[in-house]
Structure formats: structure tokens, C-alpha cells
Amino acid sequence: MKLTNKRLGRPGVFVPDLIFWEHEWHWVFHGLAFGVPARSRTQRVWEPVLGPKLLVWKPESTRPRGFAELDEERVIEWNAKPECEKWRQVEYRDHIPEIPAEPRVWSLIKVATSSSQIRAAFELSSMWLNAGAHGRLYVDELRGNAEEFLACKKYRYPRSERPSSESKRVLHFARAMAGIMEGVGSVRAIDLIRLQEHGTPCGCVECEIKKC
């Protein structure tokens, strides 16, 4: 499966496409390294309001006087209301379970120097590098372009063992894979995203993180 964007040529690159893939791959690598904690989600939906309806009464002898006429009046009034008054907004809360990290797989990706080690990481992963587990078929592009991915470790790769360096490695790998997805190379994509104008709302992962 090759998802390169044929609109891109060597003279120019559509950077928003790179940023799109940067976000997608940041989710994968961040999940490998840190996982996703359990959380609650609130959803607001519009539901129809149950209006009055004509009742089916018992035989005439047992029906209360005037109730049939009252039902008819209520239905007529309801039908005359504008549509916006026949709907209401309802709030639902649901629980999203934790998605655990895969530290062994993440460690393999970090130390990998060959395609075979990248393939070994895929064999070990049950979630984050398993396309069938979450429907993100693009993760197989890492296995299919392992040599090009490994090239990013030779350029501006965060090698420090400080805790903050883990997040920098996640971002570095995400930018490299964005370049692979768009056919411009891992190293070139790292520079294109890093050196673009970040003063405006560029939408890149780093700027989004800083806003939080």
C-alpha cells in the first residue's frame, strides 16, 4: 500500500498535507510511548420531544366526559408548534477505556538500526502497529519504508536520556513518517515542518501542544 501524494513534486511541497500525517503518526508513536488514559466523554445530541397523541378510549359508557375533546385540542396545538420546539438537546456521558502503551515495542523502534528490527517491532505489537486493531492501515508504511525511516535517526535526532526527550522523539518520528507518506523523504519533511512559519495558526503538532 503506497499512499504518496502524486500532486507533490520536488520543486514544492503542500505542507498542510505533511501536517495532517504528522498528527496521524504522532498519535501512533505517542501511544506506543505513553498510551492513552481512560477518560469520560460528553456528547450532546438532538432528540425529538414526545408530543401528545389521541388516546384510544374504552367504550362510551366508561369514557370521562370531555377528555376526547381535550386530547384533540392538545394534538392540534402540538402540530401548530414550529419544528424547533419539537426537538431538545440531550447530554450523554460515556467512558472510554484506557489504551495501554507498548514500552517494549517503543524501545525496539528507538534502538532499531535495520529493517529486520522494525519488522520485529511490528510482530511484537498487538495494538499501535497493528493496523487491524484500530483500522489505521497506514501504519504498515513504517514497515514498508523502514530504511527511509531509519535515516531520520541520523539527522537532528534527540539522543538525550532526559524524560522530556521521549516527547521530542515522538515528534521527530511523526515528522519523518509524514515525509514518507507524502513521498518527500523523512529528513526533508523534518525541516519543512520545523522551519515553516509558526507565528500563525499553522496547525502543526508542536503548536497544538503549546496551546494546551
N, C-alpha and C. Protein backbone atom coordinates (compact mmCIF):
# COMPACT_ATOMS: atom_id res chain seq x y z
N MET A 1 0.86 -1.20 0.00
CA MET A 1 0.00 0.00 0.00
C MET A 1 0.89 1.24 0.00
N LYS A 2 0.74 2.07 -1.01
CA LYS A 2 1.54 3.29 -1.10
C LYS A 2 0.60 4.48 -1.12
N LEU A 3 0.76 5.36 -0.15
CA LEU A 3 -0.16 6.47 -0.02
C LEU A 3 0.48 7.81 -0.37
N THR A 4 1.53 7.78 -1.19
CA THR A 4 2.19 9.05 -1.51
C THR A 4 1.27 9.95 -2.31
N ASN A 5 1.42 11.25 -2.11
CA ASN A 5 0.60 12.24 -2.78
C ASN A 5 1.27 12.64 -4.10
N LYS A 6 0.68 12.24 -5.23
CA LYS A 6 1.30 12.48 -6.53
C LYS A 6 1.22 13.94 -6.95
N ARG A 7 0.49 14.78 -6.22
CA ARG A 7 0.44 16.20 -6.53
C ARG A 7 1.76 16.88 -6.17
N LEU A 8 2.53 16.23 -5.33
CA LEU A 8 3.75 16.85 -4.85
C LEU A 8 4.92 16.54 -5.78
N GLY A 9 5.67 17.53 -6.11
CA GLY A 9 6.87 17.32 -6.90
C GLY A 9 8.06 17.83 -6.12
N ARG A 10 9.23 17.67 -6.66
CA ARG A 10 10.42 18.14 -5.96
C ARG A 10 10.44 19.65 -5.76
N PRO A 11 9.92 20.49 -6.71
CA PRO A 11 10.03 21.94 -6.52
C PRO A 11 9.27 22.46 -5.31
N GLY A 12 8.14 21.84 -4.98
CA GLY A 12 7.34 22.37 -3.87
C GLY A 12 6.59 21.27 -3.16
N VAL A 13 6.22 21.54 -1.93
CA VAL A 13 5.51 20.56 -1.11
C VAL A 13 4.31 21.24 -0.48
N PHE A 14 3.19 20.54 -0.45
CA PHE A 14 1.99 21.08 0.19
C PHE A 14 2.09 20.77 1.69
N VAL A 15 2.60 21.71 2.46
CA VAL A 15 2.92 21.48 3.87
C VAL A 15 1.70 21.05 4.69
N PRO A 16 0.49 21.59 4.45
CA PRO A 16 -0.66 21.10 5.23
C PRO A 16 -0.86 19.58 5.14
N ASP A 17 -0.50 18.97 4.00
CA ASP A 17 -0.58 17.52 3.91
C ASP A 17 0.42 16.85 4.85
N LEU A 18 1.61 17.42 4.91
CA LEU A 18 2.61 16.91 5.86
C LEU A 18 2.10 17.00 7.29
N ILE A 19 1.49 18.12 7.61
CA ILE A 19 0.99 18.34 8.97
C ILE A 19 -0.13 17.36 9.30
N PHE A 20 -0.98 17.06 8.32
CA PHE A 20 -2.02 16.06 8.53
C PHE A 20 -1.40 14.73 8.96
N TRP A 21 -0.39 14.27 8.20
CA TRP A 21 0.23 12.99 8.53
C TRP A 21 1.06 13.08 9.81
N GLU A 22 1.60 14.25 10.09
CA GLU A 22 2.32 14.42 11.36
C GLU A 22 1.38 14.14 12.52
N HIS A 23 0.16 14.65 12.45
CA HIS A 23 -0.81 14.39 13.52
C HIS A 23 -1.16 12.91 13.61
N GLU A 24 -1.38 12.26 12.46
CA GLU A 24 -1.73 10.84 12.47
C GLU A 24 -0.63 9.98 13.08
N TRP A 25 0.59 10.24 12.69
CA TRP A 25 1.70 9.44 13.20
C TRP A 25 2.09 9.82 14.63
N HIS A 26 1.85 11.05 14.99
CA HIS A 26 2.10 11.44 16.38
C HIS A 26 1.20 10.63 17.30
N TRP A 27 -0.04 10.40 16.89
CA TRP A 27 -0.97 9.57 17.68
C TRP A 27 -0.40 8.17 17.87
N VAL A 28 0.18 7.59 16.81
CA VAL A 28 0.72 6.23 16.88
C VAL A 28 1.93 6.17 17.80
N PHE A 29 2.91 7.03 17.55
CA PHE A 29 4.15 6.97 18.34
C PHE A 29 3.91 7.40 19.79
N HIS A 30 3.05 8.37 19.99
CA HIS A 30 2.73 8.78 21.36
C HIS A 30 2.03 7.64 22.10
N GLY A 31 1.17 6.93 21.40
CA GLY A 31 0.50 5.78 22.00
C GLY A 31 1.49 4.69 22.38
N LEU A 32 2.45 4.42 21.48
CA LEU A 32 3.49 3.43 21.79
C LEU A 32 4.25 3.80 23.06
N ALA A 33 4.60 5.06 23.17
CA ALA A 33 5.44 5.51 24.28
C ALA A 33 4.66 5.73 25.58
N PHE A 34 3.46 6.30 25.48
CA PHE A 34 2.75 6.73 26.69
C PHE A 34 1.36 6.12 26.86
N GLY A 35 0.78 5.57 25.79
CA GLY A 35 -0.59 5.07 25.89
C GLY A 35 -1.60 6.21 25.92
N VAL A 36 -2.86 5.82 26.04
CA VAL A 36 -3.95 6.80 26.14
C VAL A 36 -4.72 6.49 27.43
N PRO A 37 -4.80 7.44 28.38
CA PRO A 37 -5.50 7.16 29.64
C PRO A 37 -7.01 7.03 29.44
N ALA A 38 -7.64 6.34 30.36
CA ALA A 38 -9.10 6.26 30.34
C ALA A 38 -9.68 7.64 30.55
N ARG A 39 -10.82 7.91 29.94
CA ARG A 39 -11.42 9.23 30.08
C ARG A 39 -12.92 9.14 29.85
N SER A 40 -13.60 10.17 30.31
CA SER A 40 -15.03 10.29 30.07
C SER A 40 -15.25 11.30 28.95
N ARG A 41 -16.27 11.05 28.16
CA ARG A 41 -16.57 11.93 27.04
C ARG A 41 -18.03 12.36 27.11
N THR A 42 -18.26 13.65 26.88
CA THR A 42 -19.63 14.18 26.88
C THR A 42 -20.05 14.43 25.44
N GLN A 43 -21.22 13.92 25.11
CA GLN A 43 -21.77 14.15 23.77
C GLN A 43 -23.15 14.79 23.89
N ARG A 44 -23.40 15.78 23.06
CA ARG A 44 -24.71 16.44 23.03
C ARG A 44 -25.39 16.10 21.71
N VAL A 45 -26.59 15.58 21.81
CA VAL A 45 -27.34 15.21 20.61
C VAL A 45 -28.75 15.80 20.69
N TRP A 46 -29.35 15.97 19.53
CA TRP A 46 -30.72 16.47 19.46
C TRP A 46 -31.67 15.28 19.32
N GLU A 47 -32.70 15.29 20.16
CA GLU A 47 -33.69 14.22 20.13
C GLU A 47 -35.09 14.82 19.99
N PRO A 48 -35.99 14.11 19.31
CA PRO A 48 -37.35 14.63 19.19
C PRO A 48 -38.09 14.56 20.53
N VAL A 49 -38.87 15.59 20.80
CA VAL A 49 -39.70 15.62 22.01
C VAL A 49 -40.97 14.81 21.74
N LEU A 50 -41.32 13.97 22.68
CA LEU A 50 -42.52 13.15 22.51
C LEU A 50 -43.76 14.03 22.66
N GLY A 51 -44.50 14.17 21.60
CA GLY A 51 -45.70 15.01 21.63
C GLY A 51 -46.94 14.24 22.08
N PRO A 52 -48.05 14.94 22.32
CA PRO A 52 -49.29 14.28 22.72
C PRO A 52 -49.89 13.49 21.56
N LYS A 53 -50.71 12.53 21.90
CA LYS A 53 -51.38 11.76 20.86
C LYS A 53 -52.81 11.44 21.31
N LEU A 54 -53.64 11.15 20.36
CA LEU A 54 -55.03 10.79 20.67
C LEU A 54 -55.05 9.41 21.33
N LEU A 55 -55.78 9.33 22.44
CA LEU A 55 -55.87 8.07 23.17
C LEU A 55 -57.00 7.21 22.61
N VAL A 56 -56.83 5.92 22.74
CA VAL A 56 -57.90 5.00 22.37
C VAL A 56 -58.71 4.72 23.64
N TRP A 57 -59.95 5.22 23.65
CA TRP A 57 -60.75 5.12 24.86
C TRP A 57 -61.55 3.83 24.90
N LYS A 58 -61.97 3.51 26.11
CA LYS A 58 -62.84 2.35 26.33
C LYS A 58 -64.24 2.68 25.81
N PRO A 59 -65.13 1.75 25.86
CA PRO A 59 -66.49 2.02 25.38
C PRO A 59 -67.07 3.31 25.97
N GLU A 60 -68.01 3.91 25.23
CA GLU A 60 -68.59 5.22 25.55
C GLU A 60 -69.04 5.33 26.99
N SER A 61 -69.54 4.26 27.57
CA SER A 61 -70.11 4.31 28.92
C SER A 61 -69.05 4.58 29.98
N THR A 62 -67.78 4.22 29.73
CA THR A 62 -66.73 4.40 30.76
C THR A 62 -65.79 5.56 30.44
N ARG A 63 -65.98 6.27 29.33
CA ARG A 63 -65.07 7.35 28.95
C ARG A 63 -65.41 8.63 29.69
N PRO A 64 -64.44 9.26 30.37
CA PRO A 64 -64.73 10.52 31.08
C PRO A 64 -65.19 11.60 30.12
N ARG A 65 -66.17 12.37 30.52
CA ARG A 65 -66.73 13.42 29.65
C ARG A 65 -65.67 14.49 29.36
N GLY A 66 -65.55 14.87 28.07
CA GLY A 66 -64.68 15.97 27.66
C GLY A 66 -63.23 15.59 27.42
N PHE A 67 -62.84 14.39 27.81
CA PHE A 67 -61.42 14.03 27.67
C PHE A 67 -61.02 13.83 26.21
N ALA A 68 -61.90 13.28 25.39
CA ALA A 68 -61.58 13.09 23.96
C ALA A 68 -61.35 14.45 23.29
N GLU A 69 -62.21 15.43 23.59
CA GLU A 69 -62.06 16.76 23.01
C GLU A 69 -60.76 17.42 23.47
N LEU A 70 -60.39 17.20 24.74
CA LEU A 70 -59.16 17.78 25.28
C LEU A 70 -57.94 17.19 24.57
N ASP A 71 -57.97 15.90 24.33
CA ASP A 71 -56.88 15.26 23.60
C ASP A 71 -56.73 15.86 22.22
N GLU A 72 -57.83 16.06 21.55
CA GLU A 72 -57.80 16.61 20.20
C GLU A 72 -57.20 18.02 20.19
N GLU A 73 -57.57 18.83 21.21
CA GLU A 73 -57.02 20.19 21.31
C GLU A 73 -55.51 20.16 21.52
N ARG A 74 -55.05 19.25 22.36
CA ARG A 74 -53.61 19.15 22.62
C ARG A 74 -52.84 18.77 21.36
N VAL A 75 -53.38 17.85 20.61
CA VAL A 75 -52.72 17.42 19.38
C VAL A 75 -52.69 18.56 18.36
N ILE A 76 -53.78 19.30 18.25
CA ILE A 76 -53.82 20.43 17.31
C ILE A 76 -52.79 21.49 17.71
N GLU A 77 -52.71 21.80 19.01
CA GLU A 77 -51.73 22.78 19.49
C GLU A 77 -50.30 22.32 19.20
N TRP A 78 -50.05 21.03 19.43
CA TRP A 78 -48.71 20.49 19.20
C TRP A 78 -48.33 20.58 17.72
N ASN A 79 -49.24 20.22 16.86
CA ASN A 79 -48.97 20.25 15.42
C ASN A 79 -48.73 21.67 14.91
N ALA A 80 -49.27 22.67 15.61
CA ALA A 80 -49.11 24.06 15.20
C ALA A 80 -47.76 24.65 15.63
N LYS A 81 -47.04 23.96 16.52
CA LYS A 81 -45.75 24.48 17.00
C LYS A 81 -44.70 24.42 15.90
N PRO A 82 -43.76 25.36 15.91
CA PRO A 82 -42.64 25.29 14.94
C PRO A 82 -41.77 24.06 15.22
N GLU A 83 -41.07 23.58 14.19
CA GLU A 83 -40.28 22.35 14.30
C GLU A 83 -39.19 22.46 15.37
N CYS A 84 -38.64 23.66 15.55
CA CYS A 84 -37.55 23.81 16.51
C CYS A 84 -37.98 23.53 17.94
N GLU A 85 -39.28 23.65 18.22
CA GLU A 85 -39.78 23.38 19.57
C GLU A 85 -40.11 21.90 19.77
N LYS A 86 -39.97 21.12 18.73
CA LYS A 86 -40.28 19.70 18.84
C LYS A 86 -39.01 18.85 19.02
N TRP A 87 -37.89 19.54 19.26
CA TRP A 87 -36.61 18.86 19.49
C TRP A 87 -35.96 19.41 20.75
N ARG A 88 -35.15 18.62 21.40
CA ARG A 88 -34.43 19.06 22.59
C ARG A 88 -33.02 18.49 22.56
N GLN A 89 -32.11 19.21 23.18
CA GLN A 89 -30.72 18.76 23.23
C GLN A 89 -30.50 17.94 24.50
N VAL A 90 -29.94 16.76 24.32
CA VAL A 90 -29.72 15.84 25.44
C VAL A 90 -28.23 15.57 25.56
N GLU A 91 -27.73 15.50 26.78
CA GLU A 91 -26.31 15.29 27.03
C GLU A 91 -26.08 13.86 27.54
N TYR A 92 -25.15 13.17 26.89
CA TYR A 92 -24.78 11.82 27.31
C TYR A 92 -23.31 11.80 27.70
N ARG A 93 -22.99 11.01 28.70
CA ARG A 93 -21.60 10.81 29.11
C ARG A 93 -21.26 9.34 28.95
N ASP A 94 -20.14 9.06 28.28
CA ASP A 94 -19.72 7.67 28.18
C ASP A 94 -18.25 7.55 28.57
N HIS A 95 -17.84 6.34 28.91
CA HIS A 95 -16.49 6.08 29.40
C HIS A 95 -15.67 5.44 28.29
N ILE A 96 -14.50 6.02 28.02
CA ILE A 96 -13.59 5.47 27.02
C ILE A 96 -12.44 4.79 27.78
N PRO A 97 -12.28 3.47 27.61
CA PRO A 97 -11.26 2.76 28.39
C PRO A 97 -9.84 3.15 28.00
N GLU A 98 -8.92 2.86 28.86
CA GLU A 98 -7.50 3.12 28.63
C GLU A 98 -6.98 2.27 27.46
N ILE A 99 -6.08 2.85 26.69
CA ILE A 99 -5.32 2.08 25.69
C ILE A 99 -3.88 2.08 26.18
N PRO A 100 -3.37 0.95 26.63
CA PRO A 100 -2.03 0.95 27.25
C PRO A 100 -0.91 1.17 26.24
N ALA A 101 0.21 1.69 26.74
CA ALA A 101 1.41 1.84 25.92
C ALA A 101 2.01 0.47 25.63
N GLU A 102 2.96 0.45 24.72
CA GLU A 102 3.69 -0.78 24.42
C GLU A 102 5.18 -0.47 24.54
N PRO A 103 5.69 -0.43 25.78
CA PRO A 103 7.07 0.02 26.01
C PRO A 103 8.12 -0.83 25.30
N ARG A 104 7.90 -2.14 25.20
CA ARG A 104 8.89 -3.00 24.52
C ARG A 104 8.96 -2.66 23.02
N VAL A 105 7.79 -2.42 22.43
CA VAL A 105 7.77 -2.05 21.01
C VAL A 105 8.42 -0.69 20.81
N TRP A 106 8.10 0.25 21.68
CA TRP A 106 8.68 1.59 21.59
C TRP A 106 10.19 1.53 21.74
N SER A 107 10.68 0.72 22.66
CA SER A 107 12.13 0.58 22.83
C SER A 107 12.79 0.02 21.58
N LEU A 108 12.13 -0.94 20.95
CA LEU A 108 12.66 -1.52 19.71
C LEU A 108 12.75 -0.47 18.61
N ILE A 109 11.71 0.34 18.48
CA ILE A 109 11.71 1.39 17.46
C ILE A 109 12.86 2.37 17.72
N LYS A 110 13.08 2.71 18.97
CA LYS A 110 14.13 3.69 19.31
C LYS A 110 15.53 3.16 19.01
N VAL A 111 15.77 1.89 19.28
CA VAL A 111 17.13 1.35 19.11
C VAL A 111 17.35 0.74 17.74
N ALA A 112 16.29 0.60 16.94
CA ALA A 112 16.39 -0.09 15.65
C ALA A 112 17.40 0.59 14.73
N THR A 113 18.23 -0.24 14.08
CA THR A 113 19.19 0.25 13.09
C THR A 113 19.04 -0.50 11.77
N SER A 114 18.05 -1.40 11.70
CA SER A 114 17.86 -2.19 10.49
C SER A 114 16.38 -2.45 10.25
N SER A 115 16.05 -2.83 9.02
CA SER A 115 14.67 -3.14 8.66
C SER A 115 14.15 -4.33 9.45
N SER A 116 15.02 -5.30 9.71
CA SER A 116 14.59 -6.50 10.44
C SER A 116 14.16 -6.15 11.86
N GLN A 117 14.80 -5.17 12.48
CA GLN A 117 14.40 -4.76 13.82
C GLN A 117 13.05 -4.04 13.80
N ILE A 118 12.79 -3.27 12.75
CA ILE A 118 11.48 -2.63 12.60
C ILE A 118 10.41 -3.70 12.43
N ARG A 119 10.68 -4.72 11.61
CA ARG A 119 9.72 -5.81 11.43
C ARG A 119 9.48 -6.55 12.74
N ALA A 120 10.52 -6.71 13.54
CA ALA A 120 10.37 -7.37 14.85
C ALA A 120 9.44 -6.57 15.75
N ALA A 121 9.53 -5.24 15.67
CA ALA A 121 8.64 -4.39 16.47
C ALA A 121 7.19 -4.59 16.05
N PHE A 122 6.96 -4.73 14.75
CA PHE A 122 5.60 -4.99 14.27
C PHE A 122 5.07 -6.32 14.77
N GLU A 123 5.91 -7.33 14.77
CA GLU A 123 5.48 -8.65 15.23
C GLU A 123 5.12 -8.63 16.71
N LEU A 124 5.78 -7.77 17.45
CA LEU A 124 5.56 -7.71 18.89
C LEU A 124 4.34 -6.87 19.27
N SER A 125 3.95 -5.96 18.39
CA SER A 125 2.86 -5.02 18.73
C SER A 125 1.48 -5.65 18.54
N SER A 126 0.65 -5.52 19.55
CA SER A 126 -0.72 -6.02 19.46
C SER A 126 -1.73 -4.90 19.22
N MET A 127 -1.27 -3.65 19.33
CA MET A 127 -2.20 -2.53 19.20
C MET A 127 -1.68 -1.45 18.25
N TRP A 128 -0.64 -0.74 18.66
CA TRP A 128 -0.28 0.51 18.00
C TRP A 128 0.29 0.31 16.60
N LEU A 129 0.96 -0.79 16.33
CA LEU A 129 1.47 -1.07 14.99
C LEU A 129 0.68 -2.19 14.32
N ASN A 130 -0.47 -2.47 14.87
CA ASN A 130 -1.36 -3.50 14.32
C ASN A 130 -2.52 -2.79 13.63
N ALA A 131 -2.47 -2.73 12.30
CA ALA A 131 -3.50 -2.00 11.55
C ALA A 131 -4.89 -2.55 11.80
N GLY A 132 -5.00 -3.86 12.00
CA GLY A 132 -6.31 -4.47 12.22
C GLY A 132 -6.92 -4.14 13.57
N ALA A 133 -6.10 -3.68 14.53
CA ALA A 133 -6.61 -3.41 15.88
C ALA A 133 -7.34 -2.08 15.96
N HIS A 134 -6.99 -1.12 15.08
CA HIS A 134 -7.62 0.20 15.18
C HIS A 134 -7.98 0.79 13.82
N GLY A 135 -7.84 0.02 12.75
CA GLY A 135 -8.29 0.48 11.44
C GLY A 135 -7.40 1.51 10.77
N ARG A 136 -6.24 1.78 11.34
CA ARG A 136 -5.31 2.74 10.71
C ARG A 136 -4.34 1.96 9.83
N LEU A 137 -4.75 1.71 8.60
CA LEU A 137 -3.99 0.87 7.70
C LEU A 137 -2.63 1.47 7.35
N TYR A 138 -2.49 2.78 7.52
CA TYR A 138 -1.26 3.45 7.12
C TYR A 138 -0.05 3.04 7.95
N VAL A 139 -0.26 2.40 9.11
CA VAL A 139 0.89 2.05 9.95
C VAL A 139 1.84 1.09 9.24
N ASP A 140 1.32 0.33 8.27
CA ASP A 140 2.18 -0.59 7.54
C ASP A 140 3.22 0.13 6.68
N GLU A 141 3.02 1.44 6.46
CA GLU A 141 4.01 2.23 5.71
C GLU A 141 5.34 2.31 6.45
N LEU A 142 5.32 2.20 7.77
CA LEU A 142 6.57 2.21 8.53
C LEU A 142 7.38 0.95 8.22
N ARG A 143 6.71 -0.19 8.22
CA ARG A 143 7.41 -1.44 7.91
C ARG A 143 7.90 -1.45 6.46
N GLY A 144 7.08 -0.94 5.55
CA GLY A 144 7.45 -0.95 4.13
C GLY A 144 8.51 0.07 3.75
N ASN A 145 8.74 1.06 4.61
CA ASN A 145 9.73 2.11 4.33
C ASN A 145 10.71 2.23 5.50
N ALA A 146 11.10 1.10 6.03
CA ALA A 146 11.93 1.09 7.24
C ALA A 146 13.26 1.80 7.03
N GLU A 147 13.92 1.56 5.91
CA GLU A 147 15.23 2.18 5.68
C GLU A 147 15.13 3.70 5.61
N GLU A 148 14.11 4.19 4.93
CA GLU A 148 13.92 5.64 4.85
C GLU A 148 13.60 6.22 6.22
N PHE A 149 12.82 5.48 7.02
CA PHE A 149 12.51 5.93 8.38
C PHE A 149 13.78 6.01 9.22
N LEU A 150 14.62 4.99 9.13
CA LEU A 150 15.84 4.95 9.94
C LEU A 150 16.79 6.10 9.62
N ALA A 151 16.66 6.66 8.41
CA ALA A 151 17.51 7.79 8.04
C ALA A 151 17.29 8.99 8.94
N CYS A 152 16.09 9.11 9.51
CA CYS A 152 15.80 10.28 10.36
C CYS A 152 16.59 10.24 11.66
N LYS A 153 17.14 9.07 12.02
CA LYS A 153 17.93 8.99 13.25
C LYS A 153 19.32 9.58 13.08
N LYS A 154 19.67 9.89 11.84
CA LYS A 154 20.99 10.48 11.58
C LYS A 154 20.91 11.99 11.43
N TYR A 155 19.71 12.53 11.63
CA TYR A 155 19.53 13.98 11.43
C TYR A 155 18.71 14.58 12.57
N ARG A 156 19.36 15.37 13.41
CA ARG A 156 18.71 16.11 14.49
C ARG A 156 17.92 15.19 15.43
N TYR A 157 18.36 13.97 15.58
CA TYR A 157 17.63 13.01 16.43
C TYR A 157 17.88 13.31 17.91
N PRO A 158 16.83 13.42 18.73
CA PRO A 158 17.01 13.70 20.17
C PRO A 158 17.60 12.47 20.89
N ARG A 159 18.85 12.53 21.24
CA ARG A 159 19.52 11.38 21.86
C ARG A 159 19.63 11.48 23.38
N SER A 160 19.28 12.61 23.95
CA SER A 160 19.37 12.77 25.40
C SER A 160 18.46 11.78 26.11
N GLU A 161 18.85 11.38 27.31
CA GLU A 161 18.03 10.47 28.11
C GLU A 161 17.15 11.21 29.11
N ARG A 162 17.05 12.53 28.97
CA ARG A 162 16.13 13.28 29.83
C ARG A 162 14.70 12.85 29.54
N PRO A 163 13.82 12.85 30.55
CA PRO A 163 12.42 12.44 30.33
C PRO A 163 11.74 13.21 29.21
N SER A 164 12.07 14.50 29.07
CA SER A 164 11.43 15.32 28.05
C SER A 164 11.81 14.89 26.64
N SER A 165 12.91 14.15 26.52
CA SER A 165 13.36 13.74 25.20
C SER A 165 12.45 12.70 24.57
N GLU A 166 11.69 11.97 25.39
CA GLU A 166 10.77 10.98 24.83
C GLU A 166 9.73 11.66 23.93
N SER A 167 9.17 12.77 24.42
CA SER A 167 8.19 13.50 23.62
C SER A 167 8.82 14.08 22.35
N LYS A 168 10.08 14.48 22.45
CA LYS A 168 10.77 15.01 21.27
C LYS A 168 11.01 13.92 20.23
N ARG A 169 11.31 12.70 20.71
CA ARG A 169 11.49 11.58 19.79
C ARG A 169 10.18 11.23 19.09
N VAL A 170 9.09 11.27 19.85
CA VAL A 170 7.77 11.01 19.26
C VAL A 170 7.51 11.99 18.12
N LEU A 171 7.77 13.27 18.36
CA LEU A 171 7.54 14.30 17.35
C LEU A 171 8.47 14.12 16.15
N HIS A 172 9.71 13.80 16.43
CA HIS A 172 10.70 13.60 15.37
C HIS A 172 10.27 12.46 14.45
N PHE A 173 9.87 11.35 15.03
CA PHE A 173 9.43 10.20 14.23
C PHE A 173 8.16 10.52 13.44
N ALA A 174 7.25 11.28 14.06
CA ALA A 174 6.00 11.63 13.38
C ALA A 174 6.28 12.48 12.14
N ARG A 175 7.20 13.42 12.26
CA ARG A 175 7.55 14.27 11.12
C ARG A 175 8.24 13.45 10.02
N ALA A 176 9.08 12.52 10.44
CA ALA A 176 9.76 11.67 9.46
C ALA A 176 8.76 10.84 8.67
N MET A 177 7.79 10.26 9.36
CA MET A 177 6.79 9.43 8.67
C MET A 177 5.86 10.28 7.81
N ALA A 178 5.63 11.53 8.20
CA ALA A 178 4.83 12.43 7.35
C ALA A 178 5.51 12.60 6.00
N GLY A 179 6.83 12.74 6.01
CA GLY A 179 7.57 12.88 4.76
C GLY A 179 7.50 11.63 3.92
N ILE A 180 7.55 10.47 4.56
CA ILE A 180 7.45 9.20 3.83
C ILE A 180 6.07 9.07 3.20
N MET A 181 5.04 9.44 3.93
CA MET A 181 3.68 9.33 3.40
C MET A 181 3.47 10.23 2.19
N GLU A 182 4.16 11.37 2.17
CA GLU A 182 4.00 12.32 1.07
C GLU A 182 5.08 12.21 0.01
N GLY A 183 5.96 11.22 0.17
CA GLY A 183 6.96 10.97 -0.86
C GLY A 183 8.06 11.99 -0.97
N VAL A 184 8.34 12.72 0.10
CA VAL A 184 9.39 13.75 0.04
C VAL A 184 10.60 13.39 0.90
N GLY A 185 10.55 12.25 1.57
CA GLY A 185 11.67 11.83 2.39
C GLY A 185 11.54 12.27 3.84
N SER A 186 12.06 11.44 4.74
CA SER A 186 11.91 11.70 6.17
C SER A 186 12.68 12.95 6.61
N VAL A 187 13.92 13.10 6.16
CA VAL A 187 14.75 14.23 6.59
C VAL A 187 14.19 15.54 6.06
N ARG A 188 13.78 15.55 4.80
CA ARG A 188 13.25 16.79 4.22
C ARG A 188 12.00 17.24 4.94
N ALA A 189 11.13 16.29 5.30
CA ALA A 189 9.88 16.65 5.98
C ALA A 189 10.16 17.24 7.36
N ILE A 190 11.16 16.72 8.05
CA ILE A 190 11.51 17.25 9.37
C ILE A 190 11.84 18.73 9.27
N ASP A 191 12.62 19.10 8.26
CA ASP A 191 12.98 20.51 8.08
C ASP A 191 11.80 21.34 7.60
N LEU A 192 11.00 20.80 6.69
CA LEU A 192 9.88 21.56 6.16
C LEU A 192 8.89 21.95 7.26
N ILE A 193 8.63 21.02 8.17
CA ILE A 193 7.69 21.32 9.26
C ILE A 193 8.36 22.19 10.31
N ARG A 194 9.62 21.90 10.62
CA ARG A 194 10.33 22.64 11.67
C ARG A 194 10.56 24.09 11.29
N LEU A 195 10.85 24.35 10.01
CA LEU A 195 11.25 25.68 9.58
C LEU A 195 10.11 26.52 9.00
N GLN A 196 8.91 25.97 8.95
CA GLN A 196 7.81 26.76 8.42
C GLN A 196 7.45 27.89 9.40
N GLU A 197 6.62 28.82 8.96
CA GLU A 197 6.22 29.94 9.81
C GLU A 197 5.24 29.44 10.88
N HIS A 198 5.67 29.51 12.12
CA HIS A 198 4.83 29.04 13.22
C HIS A 198 4.12 30.17 13.93
N GLY A 199 4.32 31.39 13.49
CA GLY A 199 3.67 32.52 14.15
C GLY A 199 2.17 32.54 13.95
N THR A 200 1.73 32.05 12.81
CA THR A 200 0.29 31.98 12.54
C THR A 200 -0.22 30.63 13.01
N PRO A 201 -1.55 30.44 13.10
CA PRO A 201 -2.07 29.11 13.50
C PRO A 201 -1.77 28.09 12.41
N CYS A 202 -0.58 27.48 12.48
CA CYS A 202 -0.15 26.57 11.41
C CYS A 202 -0.78 25.19 11.55
N GLY A 203 -1.18 24.83 12.76
CA GLY A 203 -1.84 23.54 12.96
C GLY A 203 -0.91 22.38 13.21
N CYS A 204 0.40 22.62 13.23
CA CYS A 204 1.33 21.51 13.45
C CYS A 204 1.20 21.00 14.88
N VAL A 205 1.70 19.80 15.11
CA VAL A 205 1.56 19.16 16.41
C VAL A 205 2.22 19.99 17.52
N GLU A 206 3.41 20.48 17.27
CA GLU A 206 4.14 21.24 18.29
C GLU A 206 3.35 22.47 18.72
N CYS A 207 2.76 23.20 17.77
CA CYS A 207 1.98 24.39 18.10
C CYS A 207 0.70 24.01 18.84
N GLU A 208 0.10 22.90 18.44
CA GLU A 208 -1.12 22.44 19.13
C GLU A 208 -0.82 22.08 20.58
N ILE A 209 0.33 21.45 20.81
CA ILE A 209 0.71 21.08 22.18
C ILE A 209 0.95 22.33 23.02
N LYS A 210 1.59 23.34 22.44
CA LYS A 210 1.88 24.57 23.18
C LYS A 210 0.62 25.31 23.58
N LYS A 211 -0.46 25.15 22.78
CA LYS A 211 -1.72 25.82 23.10
C LYS A 211 -2.43 25.19 24.29
N CYS A 212 -2.12 23.93 24.58
CA CYS A 212 -2.81 23.21 25.66
C CYS A 212 -2.34 23.68 27.04
